[in-house]
Amino acid sequence: MQKKKTKKDSSFWQEGKLDITFLSFVLILLSIGLVMLFSASYAYSYTYFGNSYRFIFRQSIFAVIGVALMLIISKIDYHIIKKLSWLIYIITVGMLGVVLILPPMSDELNVKRWISIGGFQFQPSEIGKFAIVVIFAAWLSVNGDKLKKFKYVAWMLLLLGIVCGLVVAEPHLSATILIFAIGIVLLIVGGLQKRWIFIGAGGGVAGVLFIIFSGIVSYGSDRIQYWLDPWADPSGKGYQTIQSLLAIGSGGLLGRGIGQSRQKYLWVPEPHNDFIFSIVCEELGLIGAMVIIVLFCALVWRGFTIAMRAKDRFGTLMAIGLTFQVGLQAILNILVVTNTIPNTGISLPFFSYGGTALVILLAEMGIVLSISRTSNVKKL
């Protein structure tokens, strides 16, 4: 009997029911995100491409692909990822290295973030987030007790530093901060001692400040300056922030209504990308914005619940890492849009335009659902 269970557990396909609550939160956020993307993008899309449906059409295709992939992955045994952890990490580092030898995105900024394959563009930094979650979860699930020794802490920080260093070189500060935070959180969950937590946090803050003010990231100090006073250059570097705040303020309590935004008519630059939440606030108001924030909180809560009920340490760490990534990215985006922190150029999960990023995100949610199949999560 025991051997049969072992064979069953090691099969390629997962058995058991996925967590419907978590799946529902994902699909609700995705549906609202698609509606708001169309509302925020059609004026910009028509003006620059002569087609109001360009962005929503493409995003919808990727959404369908992503949902299908999510459901397929949810049926696959997530332990397969553990076996491939080093391969995933090495390939990711390789892609991040390739990005640096490609031509820059524009002549104005020496920014190198994209790889184009077969007409599709994607940012390896998006995969970098996933790679750190995988390699940290795989290593810590077996060697977490070794974190008491400095050489093992240094080893993990080296793996993290390689990815962060390559992303900084693009330069992509927001992705660097996100990847670093994911790694540190997984180390803490994995058993990192308190003294290393404080040292790591202090080193991280010092590193970010050094990168910003040393000129490694050319736009870093400017963003600090115009975060503190965007009206110092209202028609230039402070323009996007000012227009975002105007959109948020004009939404009031109940909003202007879906499709009724004024700021999306070429006032907020590229309203379908990083600053889509400002259009959400304008059209849905404070109440609508709070509902979306609550949905993100609910998604994170349910993801952590799945993590805590996972049957093994690898599943727990994977679910925490992937869920934390979504939650932190949403928080950072909302803080940027409201000018609470400097503009970091980070997208809003499920809402911002980006087909490959959406597919990767939904695939990651599929892994969390795969973990839920073995965690015996009770229905609410």
Protein backbone atom coordinates (compact mmCIF):
# COMPACT_ATOMS: atom_id res chain seq x y z
CA MET A 1 0.00 0.00 0.00
CA GLN A 2 2.78 2.39 0.86
CA LYS A 3 4.53 1.83 -2.49
CA LYS A 4 1.33 2.58 -4.38
CA LYS A 5 1.00 5.89 -2.58
CA THR A 6 4.59 6.75 -3.40
CA LYS A 7 4.02 6.10 -7.10
CA LYS A 8 0.83 8.08 -7.01
CA ASP A 9 2.49 11.03 -5.28
CA SER A 10 5.38 11.07 -7.74
CA SER A 11 3.18 11.04 -10.85
CA PHE A 12 3.32 13.86 -13.36
CA TRP A 13 -0.31 14.90 -12.89
CA GLN A 14 -1.66 16.23 -9.60
CA GLU A 15 -4.75 14.80 -7.99
CA GLY A 16 -7.14 16.54 -5.65
CA LYS A 17 -9.28 19.64 -6.01
CA LEU A 18 -7.72 23.04 -6.60
CA ASP A 19 -8.55 25.96 -4.36
CA ILE A 20 -11.63 27.56 -5.91
CA THR A 21 -11.39 30.62 -3.65
CA PHE A 22 -7.89 31.50 -4.86
CA LEU A 23 -8.87 30.81 -8.48
CA SER A 24 -11.91 33.08 -8.10
CA PHE A 25 -9.80 35.98 -6.84
CA VAL A 26 -7.40 35.56 -9.78
CA LEU A 27 -10.21 35.51 -12.35
CA ILE A 28 -12.05 38.46 -10.77
CA LEU A 29 -8.90 40.61 -10.77
CA LEU A 30 -8.11 39.54 -14.33
CA SER A 31 -11.64 40.38 -15.52
CA ILE A 32 -11.67 43.81 -13.87
CA GLY A 33 -8.16 44.40 -15.21
CA LEU A 34 -9.21 43.70 -18.80
CA VAL A 35 -12.24 46.01 -18.52
CA MET A 36 -10.11 48.81 -17.08
CA LEU A 37 -7.35 48.24 -19.63
CA PHE A 38 -9.79 48.74 -22.49
CA SER A 39 -11.27 51.82 -20.88
CA ALA A 40 -7.83 53.31 -20.18
CA SER A 41 -6.28 52.46 -23.55
CA TYR A 42 -8.80 53.04 -26.34
CA ALA A 43 -8.17 56.79 -26.77
CA TYR A 44 -4.39 56.34 -26.74
CA SER A 45 -4.66 53.30 -29.02
CA TYR A 46 -6.83 55.12 -31.57
CA THR A 47 -4.63 58.22 -31.57
CA TYR A 48 -1.33 56.44 -32.13
CA PHE A 49 -2.38 53.26 -33.95
CA GLY A 50 -5.73 54.13 -35.55
CA ASN A 51 -7.41 51.23 -33.78
CA SER A 52 -9.17 51.59 -30.43
CA TYR A 53 -9.06 47.83 -29.81
CA ARG A 54 -5.34 47.22 -30.38
CA PHE A 55 -4.29 46.84 -26.75
CA ILE A 56 -7.38 45.06 -25.43
CA PHE A 57 -7.41 42.63 -28.36
CA ARG A 58 -3.82 41.59 -27.77
CA GLN A 59 -4.19 41.47 -23.98
CA SER A 60 -7.34 39.36 -24.26
CA ILE A 61 -5.55 36.79 -26.41
CA PHE A 62 -2.74 36.54 -23.88
CA ALA A 63 -5.29 36.35 -21.07
CA VAL A 64 -6.97 33.33 -22.68
CA ILE A 65 -3.57 31.69 -23.24
CA GLY A 66 -2.56 32.51 -19.67
CA VAL A 67 -5.74 31.12 -18.09
CA ALA A 68 -5.44 27.91 -20.13
CA LEU A 69 -1.79 27.58 -19.09
CA MET A 70 -2.70 28.29 -15.46
CA LEU A 71 -5.28 25.49 -15.42
CA ILE A 72 -2.89 23.04 -17.11
CA ILE A 73 -0.06 23.87 -14.70
CA SER A 74 -2.44 23.49 -11.77
CA LYS A 75 -2.75 19.82 -12.72
CA ILE A 76 1.03 19.25 -12.93
CA ASP A 77 3.00 18.13 -9.88
CA TYR A 78 4.86 21.25 -8.74
CA HIS A 79 7.78 19.14 -7.45
CA ILE A 80 8.96 18.90 -11.06
CA ILE A 81 9.95 22.57 -10.77
CA LYS A 82 12.24 21.69 -7.86
CA LYS A 83 14.16 19.26 -10.06
CA LEU A 84 14.57 21.97 -12.70
CA SER A 85 15.47 24.77 -10.27
CA TRP A 86 19.13 25.10 -11.26
CA LEU A 87 18.33 24.88 -14.96
CA ILE A 88 15.74 27.65 -14.59
CA TYR A 89 18.22 29.82 -12.68
CA ILE A 90 21.07 29.32 -15.16
CA ILE A 91 18.85 30.01 -18.19
CA THR A 92 17.50 33.15 -16.52
CA VAL A 93 21.01 34.44 -15.77
CA GLY A 94 21.93 33.71 -19.38
CA MET A 95 18.97 35.68 -20.73
CA LEU A 96 19.74 38.59 -18.41
CA GLY A 97 23.28 38.56 -19.76
CA VAL A 98 22.08 38.47 -23.38
CA VAL A 99 19.91 41.54 -22.76
CA LEU A 100 22.99 43.59 -21.87
CA ILE A 101 24.64 42.98 -25.25
CA LEU A 102 21.53 43.89 -27.26
CA PRO A 103 20.95 47.43 -28.61
CA PRO A 104 19.29 49.85 -26.15
CA MET A 105 15.55 50.45 -26.20
CA SER A 106 16.01 54.09 -27.22
CA ASP A 107 18.71 56.55 -28.16
CA GLU A 108 17.80 58.85 -25.26
CA LEU A 109 18.26 56.28 -22.47
CA ASN A 110 20.76 53.45 -22.52
CA VAL A 111 18.09 51.01 -21.31
CA LYS A 112 18.29 47.31 -22.25
CA ARG A 113 15.38 45.25 -20.92
CA TRP A 114 13.71 43.37 -23.77
CA ILE A 115 14.34 40.26 -25.82
CA SER A 116 12.36 39.71 -29.02
CA ILE A 117 11.69 36.16 -30.24
CA GLY A 118 9.37 35.40 -33.12
CA GLY A 119 7.67 38.80 -32.92
CA PHE A 120 7.08 38.53 -29.16
CA GLN A 121 8.87 40.74 -26.67
CA PHE A 122 9.47 39.92 -23.04
CA GLN A 123 11.58 41.16 -20.16
CA PRO A 124 13.90 38.51 -18.66
CA SER A 125 13.59 40.42 -15.37
CA GLU A 126 10.01 39.06 -15.18
CA ILE A 127 11.43 35.54 -15.32
CA GLY A 128 14.13 36.65 -12.87
CA LYS A 129 11.49 37.06 -10.15
CA PHE A 130 10.29 33.53 -10.74
CA ALA A 131 13.82 32.11 -10.90
CA ILE A 132 14.70 33.54 -7.47
CA VAL A 133 11.53 32.09 -5.95
CA VAL A 134 12.31 28.67 -7.43
CA ILE A 135 16.01 28.46 -6.55
CA PHE A 136 15.49 29.81 -3.03
CA ALA A 137 12.51 27.55 -2.35
CA ALA A 138 14.38 24.50 -3.67
CA TRP A 139 17.56 25.16 -1.69
CA LEU A 140 15.89 26.28 1.56
CA SER A 141 13.47 23.36 1.55
CA VAL A 142 16.47 21.04 1.98
CA ASN A 143 19.14 23.22 3.60
CA GLY A 144 17.20 25.76 5.67
CA ASP A 145 18.87 24.64 8.89
CA LYS A 146 22.27 25.64 7.43
CA LEU A 147 21.38 29.34 7.50
CA LYS A 148 22.93 29.53 10.96
CA LYS A 149 26.32 29.55 9.25
CA PHE A 150 27.49 32.67 7.45
CA LYS A 151 28.92 30.84 4.43
CA TYR A 152 25.47 29.52 3.50
CA VAL A 153 23.85 32.92 3.97
CA ALA A 154 26.59 34.37 1.75
CA TRP A 155 25.93 31.65 -0.84
CA MET A 156 22.24 32.56 -1.06
CA LEU A 157 23.04 36.26 -1.21
CA LEU A 158 25.49 35.55 -4.04
CA LEU A 159 22.76 33.84 -6.07
CA LEU A 160 20.47 36.78 -5.36
CA GLY A 161 23.19 39.32 -6.07
CA ILE A 162 24.00 37.89 -9.51
CA VAL A 163 20.40 38.33 -10.68
CA CYS A 164 19.99 41.75 -9.03
CA GLY A 165 23.31 42.95 -10.44
CA LEU A 166 22.36 41.99 -14.00
CA VAL A 167 18.95 43.67 -13.66
CA VAL A 168 20.54 46.85 -12.24
CA ALA A 169 22.85 46.93 -15.26
CA GLU A 170 19.85 47.13 -17.65
CA PRO A 171 19.10 49.44 -15.68
CA HIS A 172 15.77 48.42 -14.08
CA LEU A 173 15.69 49.65 -10.49
CA SER A 174 12.10 48.70 -9.68
CA ALA A 175 12.60 45.07 -10.76
CA THR A 176 15.84 44.96 -8.77
CA ILE A 177 14.07 46.11 -5.60
CA LEU A 178 11.28 43.59 -6.14
CA ILE A 179 13.64 40.66 -6.78
CA PHE A 180 15.80 41.58 -3.78
CA ALA A 181 12.75 41.84 -1.51
CA ILE A 182 11.45 38.44 -2.67
CA GLY A 183 14.80 36.83 -1.91
CA ILE A 184 15.09 38.38 1.55
CA VAL A 185 11.52 37.41 2.49
CA LEU A 186 12.15 33.80 1.48
CA LEU A 187 15.36 33.78 3.50
CA ILE A 188 13.46 35.06 6.54
CA VAL A 189 10.71 32.47 6.11
CA GLY A 190 13.37 29.84 5.50
CA GLY A 191 14.97 30.42 8.90
CA LEU A 192 17.36 33.37 8.57
CA GLN A 193 18.52 34.54 12.01
CA LYS A 194 17.55 37.99 13.28
CA ARG A 195 21.05 39.48 13.15
CA TRP A 196 21.31 38.68 9.45
CA ILE A 197 17.84 40.14 8.84
CA PHE A 198 18.86 43.53 10.19
CA ILE A 199 22.20 43.46 8.42
CA GLY A 200 20.55 42.42 5.15
CA ALA A 201 17.84 45.08 5.42
CA GLY A 202 20.38 47.77 6.18
CA GLY A 203 22.60 46.63 3.34
CA GLY A 204 19.66 46.59 0.95
CA VAL A 205 18.63 50.15 1.80
CA ALA A 206 22.24 51.32 1.54
CA GLY A 207 22.60 49.56 -1.81
CA VAL A 208 19.47 51.19 -3.25
CA LEU A 209 20.58 54.64 -2.10
CA PHE A 210 24.04 54.08 -3.57
CA ILE A 211 22.59 52.98 -6.91
CA ILE A 212 20.27 56.00 -7.03
CA PHE A 213 22.77 58.70 -6.09
CA SER A 214 25.94 57.23 -7.60
CA GLY A 215 24.65 57.61 -11.15
CA ILE A 216 24.56 53.87 -11.90
CA VAL A 217 20.88 54.40 -12.67
CA SER A 218 20.93 57.71 -14.52
CA TYR A 219 17.31 58.61 -13.81
CA GLY A 220 17.36 57.69 -10.09
CA SER A 221 18.23 61.04 -8.49
CA ASP A 222 15.86 62.92 -10.83
CA ARG A 223 12.96 60.73 -9.74
CA ILE A 224 13.72 61.46 -6.10
CA GLN A 225 13.76 65.19 -6.83
CA TYR A 226 10.50 65.24 -8.77
CA TRP A 227 8.83 62.90 -6.31
CA LEU A 228 9.40 65.47 -3.58
CA ASP A 229 8.24 68.32 -5.83
CA PRO A 230 6.69 67.25 -9.15
CA TRP A 231 5.59 70.85 -9.78
CA ALA A 232 9.24 71.88 -10.09
CA ASP A 233 8.97 70.69 -13.70
CA PRO A 234 5.20 70.44 -14.40
CA SER A 235 5.56 70.05 -18.15
CA GLY A 236 8.55 67.73 -18.03
CA LYS A 237 9.72 65.17 -15.47
CA GLY A 238 6.93 65.94 -13.02
CA TYR A 239 4.20 65.82 -15.67
CA GLN A 240 3.18 62.17 -15.32
CA THR A 241 2.89 62.35 -11.54
CA ILE A 242 0.84 65.56 -11.66
CA GLN A 243 -1.59 64.15 -14.22
CA SER A 244 -1.92 60.97 -12.18
CA LEU A 245 -2.79 62.94 -9.04
CA LEU A 246 -5.31 65.02 -11.00
CA ALA A 247 -6.98 61.83 -12.24
CA ILE A 248 -7.14 60.36 -8.74
CA GLY A 249 -8.50 63.57 -7.23
CA SER A 250 -11.15 64.07 -9.89
CA GLY A 251 -12.55 60.59 -9.26
CA GLY A 252 -13.84 61.55 -5.84
CA LEU A 253 -15.75 59.01 -3.77
CA LEU A 254 -17.77 57.24 -6.47
CA GLY A 255 -15.80 58.06 -9.63
CA ARG A 256 -16.88 59.44 -12.98
CA GLY A 257 -18.03 56.02 -14.20
CA ILE A 258 -16.41 53.38 -16.39
CA GLY A 259 -15.30 54.92 -19.68
CA GLN A 260 -15.74 58.49 -18.42
CA SER A 261 -12.14 59.34 -17.55
CA ARG A 262 -10.85 62.63 -18.94
CA GLN A 263 -7.19 62.14 -18.06
CA LYS A 264 -6.86 59.11 -20.34
CA TYR A 265 -7.33 61.40 -23.35
CA LEU A 266 -3.57 61.83 -23.72
CA TRP A 267 -3.09 63.63 -20.41
CA VAL A 268 -1.72 60.69 -18.42
CA PRO A 269 1.15 59.34 -20.59
CA GLU A 270 0.53 55.73 -21.65
CA PRO A 271 -2.41 55.25 -19.25
CA HIS A 272 -2.60 51.53 -20.05
CA ASN A 273 0.76 50.77 -18.47
CA ASP A 274 2.24 51.64 -15.08
CA PHE A 275 -0.26 54.41 -14.27
CA ILE A 276 -3.47 52.53 -15.10
CA PHE A 277 -4.49 52.67 -11.43
CA SER A 278 -4.90 56.45 -11.70
CA ILE A 279 -7.55 55.88 -14.39
CA VAL A 280 -9.14 53.23 -12.16
CA CYS A 281 -9.40 55.80 -9.37
CA GLU A 282 -10.84 58.43 -11.72
CA GLU A 283 -13.51 56.14 -13.14
CA LEU A 284 -14.36 54.00 -10.09
CA GLY A 285 -13.58 56.51 -7.35
CA LEU A 286 -12.25 55.84 -3.88
CA ILE A 287 -14.74 53.05 -3.24
CA GLY A 288 -13.90 51.20 -6.45
CA ALA A 289 -10.17 51.60 -5.83
CA MET A 290 -10.58 50.23 -2.30
CA VAL A 291 -12.51 47.22 -3.63
CA ILE A 292 -9.60 46.39 -5.94
CA ILE A 293 -7.09 46.80 -3.10
CA VAL A 294 -9.22 44.48 -0.93
CA LEU A 295 -9.26 41.92 -3.75
CA PHE A 296 -5.46 42.00 -3.92
CA CYS A 297 -5.30 41.59 -0.13
CA ALA A 298 -7.73 38.66 -0.34
CA LEU A 299 -5.60 37.03 -3.04
CA VAL A 300 -2.47 37.37 -0.90
CA TRP A 301 -4.30 36.07 2.18
CA ARG A 302 -5.55 33.02 0.32
CA GLY A 303 -2.14 32.38 -1.21
CA PHE A 304 -0.52 32.45 2.23
CA THR A 305 -3.26 30.15 3.52
CA ILE A 306 -2.40 27.65 0.79
CA ALA A 307 1.27 28.02 1.69
CA MET A 308 0.70 27.32 5.37
CA ARG A 309 -1.30 24.19 4.55
CA ALA A 310 1.10 22.82 1.95
CA LYS A 311 2.30 19.30 2.62
CA ASP A 312 5.99 20.09 2.25
CA ARG A 313 8.45 22.92 2.83
CA PHE A 314 9.10 23.45 -0.87
CA GLY A 315 5.38 24.00 -1.53
CA THR A 316 5.16 26.43 1.39
CA LEU A 317 8.12 28.50 0.22
CA MET A 318 6.99 28.50 -3.42
CA ALA A 319 3.46 29.64 -2.55
CA ILE A 320 4.76 32.36 -0.21
CA GLY A 321 7.27 33.63 -2.77
CA LEU A 322 4.85 33.78 -5.70
CA THR A 323 2.03 35.29 -3.64
CA PHE A 324 4.33 37.84 -2.01
CA GLN A 325 5.55 38.88 -5.45
CA VAL A 326 2.03 39.78 -6.59
CA GLY A 327 1.18 41.58 -3.36
CA LEU A 328 4.39 43.60 -3.20
CA GLN A 329 4.20 44.55 -6.88
CA ALA A 330 0.63 45.78 -6.43
CA ILE A 331 1.58 47.78 -3.33
CA LEU A 332 4.57 49.41 -5.02
CA ASN A 333 2.55 50.33 -8.11
CA ILE A 334 -0.24 51.94 -6.06
CA LEU A 335 2.30 53.83 -3.93
CA VAL A 336 3.96 55.17 -7.09
CA VAL A 337 0.68 56.22 -8.72
CA THR A 338 -0.35 58.10 -5.58
CA ASN A 339 3.16 59.67 -5.36
CA THR A 340 3.75 58.07 -1.97
CA ILE A 341 7.13 56.79 -3.22
CA PRO A 342 9.27 57.83 -6.22
CA ASN A 343 8.29 56.57 -9.67
CA THR A 344 9.84 53.12 -10.07
CA GLY A 345 8.22 52.08 -13.35
CA ILE A 346 6.54 48.97 -11.95
CA SER A 347 3.37 47.49 -13.45
CA LEU A 348 0.09 46.60 -11.71
CA PRO A 349 -0.53 42.82 -11.83
CA PHE A 350 -3.57 41.75 -13.91
CA PHE A 351 -4.19 45.38 -15.02
CA SER A 352 -1.16 46.86 -16.81
CA TYR A 353 -0.68 46.07 -20.49
CA GLY A 354 1.90 43.39 -21.24
CA GLY A 355 0.99 40.07 -22.78
CA THR A 356 4.03 37.95 -21.91
CA ALA A 357 4.12 39.38 -18.38
CA LEU A 358 0.45 38.42 -17.95
CA VAL A 359 1.06 34.87 -19.21
CA ILE A 360 4.00 34.45 -16.81
CA LEU A 361 1.90 35.80 -13.93
CA LEU A 362 -0.99 33.44 -14.63
CA ALA A 363 1.42 30.51 -14.98
CA GLU A 364 2.78 31.36 -11.53
CA MET A 365 -0.76 31.40 -10.16
CA GLY A 366 -1.15 27.95 -11.70
CA ILE A 367 1.75 26.73 -9.56
CA VAL A 368 0.03 28.06 -6.43
CA LEU A 369 -3.13 26.21 -7.50
CA SER A 370 -1.07 23.06 -8.01
CA ILE A 371 0.20 23.39 -4.44
CA SER A 372 -3.39 23.86 -3.25
CA ARG A 373 -4.37 20.47 -4.70
CA THR A 374 -2.17 18.73 -2.13
CA SER A 375 -2.75 21.09 0.79
CA ASN A 376 -6.31 20.00 1.65
CA VAL A 377 -7.55 23.59 1.80
CA LYS A 378 -11.15 23.63 2.94
CA LYS A 379 -13.70 25.59 0.96
CA LEU A 380 -15.05 28.78 2.52
